[in-house]
Amino acid sequence: MRRADVASLLRPGLRVTIKPNLVVARPASGGATTHPEIVEGAVRYLRACGVDDITIAEGSWVGADTARAFEACGYAALAKKYGVTLVDTKHDKAVSVKNPYLEGMKICESAVSADFIINVPVLKGHCQTGMTCCLKNMKGLIPDSEKRRYHSAGLDRPIAALATVVKPQLHIVDSICGDLDFEEGGNPVVSNRILLGFDAVLLDSYCAPLIGYRPDDIGHLRLAKEFGAGSYAGPSTQVIEMNADKKPTAGRTRSGANKEHSAGAGARRYAGMIDEDGACSACYAALVYALSHTGGAAAKRLSQSGGAGKIKVGQGFAGKTLKGLGSGNCTSGCEAYVKGCPPSALDIMEFLNGVRH
């Protein structure tokens, strides 16, 4: 936040609302919910900037208990520690808002009354929309009745319409261990990455390829751009990478204390197709996401590669001449490899499908 000079946007007296993703009452290690440590960091930064009026607002999905999620996900303890307010938007007042893309739109007062919204979504797969990140996370700021209406309307257009009205000033994307393909978690893939930006559409379009999608593959993202809610990331987008020399390795992560969730069921599912030696978490995660999308095509390409049917990934292969296929710049000595440090899941998918080499 310091590097992005977020402090220049803040002033004492601001009413700040932080919106995590607490769709269910499950710890962040399962890949569904926002790590409370990220929100705690934001709270501490806000306090250092003289901001004291801080609310954490969320409404778990229809049928779930937000109070249980606050407790199970560590937010009740966080609120007590720092004296911040927790708001369950299921019980918040609904405010009617005119919108040209969706009639009768209603938004929770927590969103309407805030001077500054910090959106802290989880980058993960979603069974209906493919991906959920910055844009879709705003559904927690609408009443349950609206959530039901959004689903009956097909999700994409309502989510895009919401993006033209609720525009957080800051987005901090939790890409530490998002689920492979389901918003409730259970299939976490560890990438140990956090992203920060100011444009939801730009961030979502940047994040989509990381988990194997083109931006236009995500219906609500494509529509949000068409509605003027933001712009796609492109060649001119400035990306500043921090702590590049301190990337945690996938091997170290998988042997951590929380062994059940550190590797993730998603990673374990495709371990038999991967030859890993000192891979960074983000590089390993990109390969897992790519394999999850390519399925049989990947298996066929690997069987024809002459490299024992596995794709190599990791720093341990750097500088070596190798048979078979590799993923990432460290495997440039392979017969064929996909460039990147790390490559995106989309790049790896195209490589495995033979689109490019």
Protein backbone atom coordinates (compact mmCIF):
# COMPACT_ATOMS: atom_id res chain seq x y z
CA MET A 1 0.00 0.00 0.00
CA ARG A 2 2.92 2.29 0.66
CA ARG A 3 4.37 1.60 -2.80
CA ALA A 4 1.01 2.45 -4.38
CA ASP A 5 0.81 5.66 -2.29
CA VAL A 6 -2.66 4.78 -1.00
CA ALA A 7 -2.07 7.28 1.82
CA SER A 8 -2.51 10.14 -0.66
CA LEU A 9 -6.15 9.05 -1.08
CA LEU A 10 -6.88 8.97 2.65
CA ARG A 11 -7.59 11.56 5.31
CA PRO A 12 -8.78 11.53 8.92
CA GLY A 13 -12.55 11.40 9.19
CA LEU A 14 -13.12 9.15 6.18
CA ARG A 15 -15.67 6.39 6.61
CA VAL A 16 -13.92 3.32 5.22
CA THR A 17 -15.63 0.02 4.47
CA ILE A 18 -13.54 -3.10 3.88
CA LYS A 19 -15.25 -5.88 1.91
CA PRO A 20 -13.63 -9.33 2.19
CA ASN A 21 -15.00 -12.54 0.68
CA LEU A 22 -16.62 -14.63 3.45
CA VAL A 23 -19.02 -16.60 1.30
CA VAL A 24 -18.98 -19.50 3.80
CA ALA A 25 -17.82 -20.11 7.37
CA ARG A 26 -14.52 -21.76 6.45
CA PRO A 27 -10.92 -20.73 7.13
CA ALA A 28 -8.99 -19.10 4.28
CA SER A 29 -6.74 -22.17 3.95
CA GLY A 30 -9.60 -23.94 2.16
CA GLY A 31 -9.41 -21.55 -0.79
CA ALA A 32 -12.81 -19.84 -0.43
CA THR A 33 -12.40 -16.92 1.96
CA THR A 34 -10.16 -13.89 2.38
CA HIS A 35 -7.16 -14.27 4.69
CA PRO A 36 -7.81 -12.07 7.75
CA GLU A 37 -4.11 -11.18 7.86
CA ILE A 38 -4.54 -9.17 4.65
CA VAL A 39 -7.46 -7.23 6.10
CA GLU A 40 -5.54 -6.74 9.34
CA GLY A 41 -2.70 -5.20 7.34
CA ALA A 42 -5.15 -2.82 5.69
CA VAL A 43 -6.63 -1.84 9.06
CA ARG A 44 -3.19 -1.11 10.49
CA TYR A 45 -2.30 0.99 7.45
CA LEU A 46 -5.54 2.95 7.72
CA ARG A 47 -4.93 3.62 11.39
CA ALA A 48 -1.39 4.82 10.64
CA CYS A 49 -2.94 7.27 8.17
CA GLY A 50 -5.28 8.65 10.84
CA VAL A 51 -8.41 6.81 9.67
CA ASP A 52 -10.45 5.51 12.63
CA ASP A 53 -13.95 4.97 11.20
CA ILE A 54 -13.47 1.47 9.78
CA THR A 55 -16.17 -1.08 9.01
CA ILE A 56 -15.79 -4.63 7.74
CA ALA A 57 -18.94 -5.44 5.79
CA GLU A 58 -20.01 -8.74 4.28
CA GLY A 59 -23.03 -10.90 3.66
CA SER A 60 -22.39 -14.61 3.14
CA TRP A 61 -24.27 -16.32 0.37
CA VAL A 62 -27.99 -17.00 0.65
CA GLY A 63 -28.67 -19.58 3.34
CA ALA A 64 -25.33 -19.10 5.11
CA ASP A 65 -24.80 -17.34 8.45
CA THR A 66 -22.50 -14.32 8.18
CA ALA A 67 -21.96 -14.20 11.96
CA ARG A 68 -20.59 -17.74 11.83
CA ALA A 69 -18.33 -16.74 8.95
CA PHE A 70 -17.02 -13.72 10.89
CA GLU A 71 -16.16 -16.06 13.74
CA ALA A 72 -14.77 -19.02 11.78
CA CYS A 73 -12.72 -16.89 9.40
CA GLY A 74 -11.04 -14.84 12.15
CA TYR A 75 -12.85 -11.54 11.65
CA ALA A 76 -14.63 -11.45 15.01
CA ALA A 77 -11.24 -11.64 16.72
CA LEU A 78 -9.78 -9.06 14.33
CA ALA A 79 -12.64 -6.63 15.01
CA LYS A 80 -12.22 -7.03 18.76
CA LYS A 81 -8.46 -6.51 18.55
CA TYR A 82 -8.67 -3.27 16.58
CA GLY A 83 -12.06 -1.95 17.62
CA VAL A 84 -13.50 -1.98 14.11
CA THR A 85 -17.18 -2.53 13.32
CA LEU A 86 -18.53 -5.70 11.73
CA VAL A 87 -21.65 -5.31 9.59
CA ASP A 88 -23.68 -8.25 8.34
CA THR A 89 -25.18 -6.84 5.15
CA LYS A 90 -27.99 -9.39 5.35
CA HIS A 91 -29.43 -7.13 8.06
CA ASP A 92 -28.37 -3.83 6.45
CA LYS A 93 -30.83 -1.31 5.06
CA ALA A 94 -31.32 -1.58 1.29
CA VAL A 95 -31.09 1.59 -0.79
CA SER A 96 -32.69 1.83 -4.26
CA VAL A 97 -30.34 3.04 -7.00
CA LYS A 98 -31.15 3.96 -10.61
CA ASN A 99 -29.12 2.02 -13.14
CA PRO A 100 -29.55 1.92 -16.93
CA TYR A 101 -28.41 -1.70 -17.12
CA LEU A 102 -30.58 -3.19 -14.37
CA GLU A 103 -33.98 -1.98 -13.24
CA GLY A 104 -34.83 -1.76 -9.56
CA MET A 105 -31.26 -2.13 -8.31
CA LYS A 106 -30.83 -2.19 -4.53
CA ILE A 107 -27.56 -1.81 -2.63
CA CYS A 108 -26.77 -2.10 1.07
CA GLU A 109 -26.37 1.15 2.97
CA SER A 110 -22.86 0.10 4.07
CA ALA A 111 -21.74 0.54 0.48
CA VAL A 112 -23.71 3.69 -0.25
CA SER A 113 -22.65 5.55 2.91
CA ALA A 114 -18.93 4.71 2.73
CA ASP A 115 -16.47 7.38 1.64
CA PHE A 116 -13.87 4.81 0.70
CA ILE A 117 -14.31 1.10 -0.06
CA ILE A 118 -11.48 -1.41 0.03
CA ASN A 119 -12.38 -4.58 -1.82
CA VAL A 120 -10.43 -7.68 -0.71
CA PRO A 121 -11.64 -10.56 -2.90
CA VAL A 122 -10.23 -14.05 -3.36
CA LEU A 123 -9.05 -14.99 -6.85
CA LYS A 124 -10.64 -18.40 -7.40
CA GLY A 125 -12.71 -20.49 -9.75
CA HIS A 126 -16.49 -20.36 -9.80
CA CYS A 127 -18.90 -23.06 -10.90
CA GLN A 128 -21.16 -20.63 -12.81
CA THR A 129 -19.08 -17.66 -13.89
CA GLY A 130 -15.72 -19.41 -14.33
CA MET A 131 -13.88 -16.92 -12.17
CA THR A 132 -14.66 -14.72 -9.20
CA CYS A 133 -12.47 -11.81 -8.18
CA CYS A 134 -12.95 -8.04 -7.77
CA LEU A 135 -16.20 -7.56 -9.67
CA LYS A 136 -18.15 -10.52 -8.36
CA ASN A 137 -17.09 -9.88 -4.76
CA MET A 138 -19.36 -6.82 -4.71
CA LYS A 139 -22.39 -9.15 -4.52
CA GLY A 140 -21.81 -9.22 -0.77
CA LEU A 141 -22.93 -5.59 -0.66
CA ILE A 142 -26.45 -6.29 -1.92
CA PRO A 143 -29.44 -7.78 -0.01
CA ASP A 144 -30.19 -11.50 -0.22
CA SER A 145 -33.28 -10.74 -2.29
CA GLU A 146 -31.03 -9.10 -4.90
CA LYS A 147 -28.64 -12.05 -4.83
CA ARG A 148 -31.53 -14.35 -5.72
CA ARG A 149 -32.59 -11.99 -8.51
CA TYR A 150 -29.02 -11.83 -9.88
CA HIS A 151 -28.89 -15.62 -10.11
CA SER A 152 -32.26 -15.83 -11.83
CA ALA A 153 -31.04 -13.21 -14.32
CA GLY A 154 -27.91 -15.19 -15.12
CA LEU A 155 -25.39 -13.32 -12.91
CA ASP A 156 -23.24 -11.74 -15.63
CA ARG A 157 -25.31 -8.69 -16.56
CA PRO A 158 -26.34 -7.84 -12.96
CA ILE A 159 -22.74 -8.12 -11.73
CA ALA A 160 -21.54 -5.88 -14.55
CA ALA A 161 -24.34 -3.39 -13.84
CA LEU A 162 -23.37 -3.34 -10.15
CA ALA A 163 -19.81 -2.44 -11.18
CA THR A 164 -21.04 0.82 -12.68
CA VAL A 165 -22.51 1.89 -9.33
CA VAL A 166 -20.35 0.41 -6.57
CA LYS A 167 -16.76 1.36 -7.38
CA PRO A 168 -14.26 0.60 -4.61
CA GLN A 169 -11.36 3.00 -4.49
CA LEU A 170 -8.90 0.18 -3.80
CA HIS A 171 -8.72 -3.55 -4.53
CA ILE A 172 -6.41 -6.00 -2.77
CA VAL A 173 -6.67 -9.43 -4.38
CA ASP A 174 -6.03 -12.45 -2.15
CA SER A 175 -4.37 -14.95 -4.47
CA ILE A 176 -2.66 -16.91 -1.72
CA CYS A 177 -4.56 -20.18 -2.18
CA GLY A 178 -7.74 -19.70 -4.19
CA ASP A 179 -9.89 -22.68 -5.02
CA LEU A 180 -9.38 -24.39 -8.36
CA ASP A 181 -12.97 -24.32 -9.57
CA PHE A 182 -15.53 -23.85 -6.78
CA GLU A 183 -16.44 -20.76 -4.76
CA GLU A 184 -17.02 -22.76 -1.55
CA GLY A 185 -13.41 -23.96 -1.43
CA GLY A 186 -12.02 -27.41 -0.81
CA ASN A 187 -9.69 -27.49 -3.82
CA PRO A 188 -7.12 -24.81 -2.93
CA VAL A 189 -4.16 -24.15 -5.21
CA VAL A 190 -1.33 -22.30 -3.48
CA SER A 191 0.18 -19.40 -5.44
CA ASN A 192 1.25 -17.16 -2.50
CA ARG A 193 0.47 -13.94 -4.34
CA ILE A 194 -1.31 -10.69 -3.49
CA LEU A 195 -2.27 -8.11 -6.12
CA LEU A 196 -3.27 -4.48 -5.59
CA GLY A 197 -4.84 -1.95 -7.92
CA PHE A 198 -7.48 0.71 -8.41
CA ASP A 199 -9.54 -0.53 -11.39
CA ALA A 200 -11.65 -3.67 -10.84
CA VAL A 201 -11.99 -4.43 -14.54
CA LEU A 202 -8.26 -4.04 -15.12
CA LEU A 203 -7.37 -6.28 -12.19
CA ASP A 204 -9.89 -8.97 -13.12
CA SER A 205 -8.69 -8.94 -16.73
CA TYR A 206 -5.11 -9.33 -15.50
CA CYS A 207 -6.06 -12.11 -13.10
CA ALA A 208 -8.19 -14.13 -15.53
CA PRO A 209 -5.21 -15.53 -17.52
CA LEU A 210 -3.48 -16.43 -14.27
CA ILE A 211 -6.10 -19.12 -13.74
CA GLY A 212 -6.62 -20.05 -17.39
CA TYR A 213 -9.20 -17.67 -18.85
CA ARG A 214 -9.17 -14.95 -21.44
CA PRO A 215 -10.86 -11.82 -20.08
CA ASP A 216 -13.71 -12.11 -22.60
CA ASP A 217 -14.37 -15.68 -21.41
CA ILE A 218 -15.76 -14.17 -18.19
CA GLY A 219 -19.19 -12.80 -19.11
CA HIS A 220 -19.53 -10.22 -16.33
CA LEU A 221 -16.02 -8.94 -16.99
CA ARG A 222 -16.67 -8.46 -20.70
CA LEU A 223 -19.95 -6.66 -19.96
CA ALA A 224 -18.41 -4.47 -17.25
CA LYS A 225 -15.91 -3.22 -19.79
CA GLU A 226 -18.70 -2.58 -22.31
CA PHE A 227 -20.66 -0.67 -19.65
CA GLY A 228 -17.65 1.59 -19.03
CA ALA A 229 -16.83 0.31 -15.53
CA GLY A 230 -13.13 0.04 -16.32
CA SER A 231 -10.51 -1.00 -18.86
CA TYR A 232 -8.72 -4.25 -19.63
CA ALA A 233 -5.06 -4.69 -18.81
CA GLY A 234 -2.87 -4.41 -21.89
CA PRO A 235 0.69 -3.86 -23.10
CA SER A 236 0.75 -0.35 -21.64
CA THR A 237 -0.39 -1.50 -18.19
CA GLN A 238 2.32 -0.87 -15.63
CA VAL A 239 2.88 -3.91 -13.42
CA ILE A 240 5.23 -3.50 -10.47
CA GLU A 241 6.40 -6.76 -8.94
CA MET A 242 7.60 -6.64 -5.36
CA ASN A 243 9.76 -9.15 -3.47
CA ALA A 244 10.62 -10.99 -6.68
CA ASP A 245 13.74 -12.32 -4.99
CA LYS A 246 11.74 -13.81 -2.11
CA LYS A 247 9.26 -16.01 -3.93
CA PRO A 248 8.27 -19.00 -1.77
CA THR A 249 8.78 -22.34 -3.48
CA ALA A 250 6.00 -24.84 -4.01
CA GLY A 251 8.05 -27.56 -2.35
CA ARG A 252 8.52 -25.53 0.81
CA THR A 253 4.83 -24.65 0.85
CA ARG A 254 3.71 -28.25 0.48
CA SER A 255 5.75 -29.36 3.46
CA GLY A 256 4.33 -26.66 5.71
CA ALA A 257 2.41 -27.05 8.97
CA ASN A 258 -1.03 -27.07 7.38
CA LYS A 259 -0.24 -29.93 5.02
CA GLU A 260 -3.86 -30.68 4.15
CA HIS A 261 -4.48 -27.32 2.56
CA SER A 262 -1.00 -26.02 1.76
CA ALA A 263 -0.61 -28.06 -1.39
CA GLY A 264 -4.30 -28.05 -2.10
CA ALA A 265 -6.40 -30.90 -3.43
CA GLY A 266 -6.19 -29.26 -6.85
CA ALA A 267 -2.40 -29.49 -6.82
CA ARG A 268 -2.45 -33.09 -5.62
CA ARG A 269 -4.88 -34.05 -8.38
CA TYR A 270 -2.36 -33.19 -11.10
CA ALA A 271 0.87 -34.05 -9.27
CA GLY A 272 1.31 -37.16 -11.42
CA MET A 273 1.68 -34.97 -14.52
CA ILE A 274 4.27 -32.65 -12.99
CA ASP A 275 8.02 -33.08 -12.45
CA GLU A 276 8.75 -30.31 -9.92
CA ASP A 277 12.14 -29.23 -8.60
CA GLY A 278 12.26 -26.01 -6.57
CA ALA A 279 9.30 -24.38 -8.33
CA CYS A 280 7.99 -21.08 -7.04
CA SER A 281 4.41 -21.33 -5.75
CA ALA A 282 2.97 -19.04 -8.44
CA CYS A 283 4.66 -20.99 -11.23
CA TYR A 284 3.47 -24.33 -9.85
CA ALA A 285 -0.05 -22.98 -9.34
CA ALA A 286 -0.23 -21.71 -12.93
CA LEU A 287 0.67 -25.18 -14.18
CA VAL A 288 -2.01 -26.78 -12.00
CA TYR A 289 -4.66 -24.39 -13.29
CA ALA A 290 -3.55 -25.06 -16.88
CA LEU A 291 -3.69 -28.83 -16.45
CA SER A 292 -7.15 -28.56 -14.93
CA HIS A 293 -8.39 -26.82 -18.10
CA THR A 294 -6.56 -28.85 -20.76
CA GLY A 295 -7.24 -32.37 -19.43
CA GLY A 296 -6.84 -34.95 -22.19
CA ALA A 297 -5.03 -32.58 -24.53
CA ALA A 298 -2.30 -32.08 -21.95
CA ALA A 299 -1.98 -35.81 -21.33
CA LYS A 300 -1.67 -36.47 -25.06
CA ARG A 301 0.95 -33.78 -25.55
CA LEU A 302 2.95 -35.08 -22.60
CA SER A 303 2.80 -38.68 -23.83
CA GLN A 304 4.26 -37.55 -27.16
CA SER A 305 7.00 -35.42 -25.64
CA GLY A 306 9.53 -38.14 -24.87
CA GLY A 307 9.97 -36.79 -21.36
CA ALA A 308 8.41 -39.54 -19.25
CA GLY A 309 4.95 -38.01 -19.58
CA LYS A 310 5.53 -35.17 -17.14
CA ILE A 311 6.05 -31.43 -17.56
CA LYS A 312 9.04 -29.98 -15.75
CA VAL A 313 8.79 -26.88 -13.58
CA GLY A 314 11.17 -25.27 -11.12
CA GLN A 315 14.50 -23.62 -10.48
CA GLY A 316 16.21 -26.99 -10.11
CA PHE A 317 16.07 -27.41 -13.89
CA ALA A 318 17.74 -24.08 -14.69
CA GLY A 319 20.79 -24.38 -16.94
CA LYS A 320 20.16 -28.06 -17.75
CA THR A 321 19.59 -29.64 -21.14
CA LEU A 322 16.50 -31.81 -20.81
CA LYS A 323 14.13 -34.00 -22.78
CA GLY A 324 10.43 -33.33 -22.86
CA LEU A 325 8.40 -30.26 -21.97
CA GLY A 326 8.95 -27.48 -19.45
CA SER A 327 6.98 -24.63 -17.96
CA GLY A 328 8.68 -21.35 -17.07
CA ASN A 329 12.01 -19.77 -17.95
CA CYS A 330 13.90 -22.10 -15.61
CA THR A 331 13.12 -24.97 -18.00
CA SER A 332 14.48 -23.28 -21.12
CA GLY A 333 16.81 -26.26 -21.60
CA CYS A 334 13.86 -28.52 -22.40
CA GLU A 335 13.08 -29.56 -25.97
CA ALA A 336 10.08 -27.24 -25.76
CA TYR A 337 8.95 -24.92 -22.98
CA VAL A 338 6.54 -22.08 -22.28
CA LYS A 339 8.21 -18.77 -21.48
CA GLY A 340 7.45 -16.68 -18.41
CA CYS A 341 8.47 -16.08 -14.82
CA PRO A 342 5.91 -17.28 -14.12
CA PRO A 343 3.90 -17.93 -17.29
CA SER A 344 0.16 -17.52 -16.91
CA ALA A 345 -2.09 -20.56 -16.89
CA LEU A 346 -3.50 -19.35 -20.21
CA ASP A 347 -0.01 -19.31 -21.76
CA ILE A 348 0.60 -22.85 -20.54
CA MET A 349 -2.78 -24.02 -21.86
CA GLU A 350 -2.03 -22.68 -25.32
CA PHE A 351 1.37 -24.36 -25.17
CA LEU A 352 -0.10 -27.73 -24.17
CA ASN A 353 -2.78 -27.42 -26.84
CA GLY A 354 -0.08 -26.80 -29.44
CA VAL A 355 -1.15 -23.22 -30.14
CA ARG A 356 2.40 -21.97 -29.69
CA HIS A 357 5.82 -23.20 -28.59
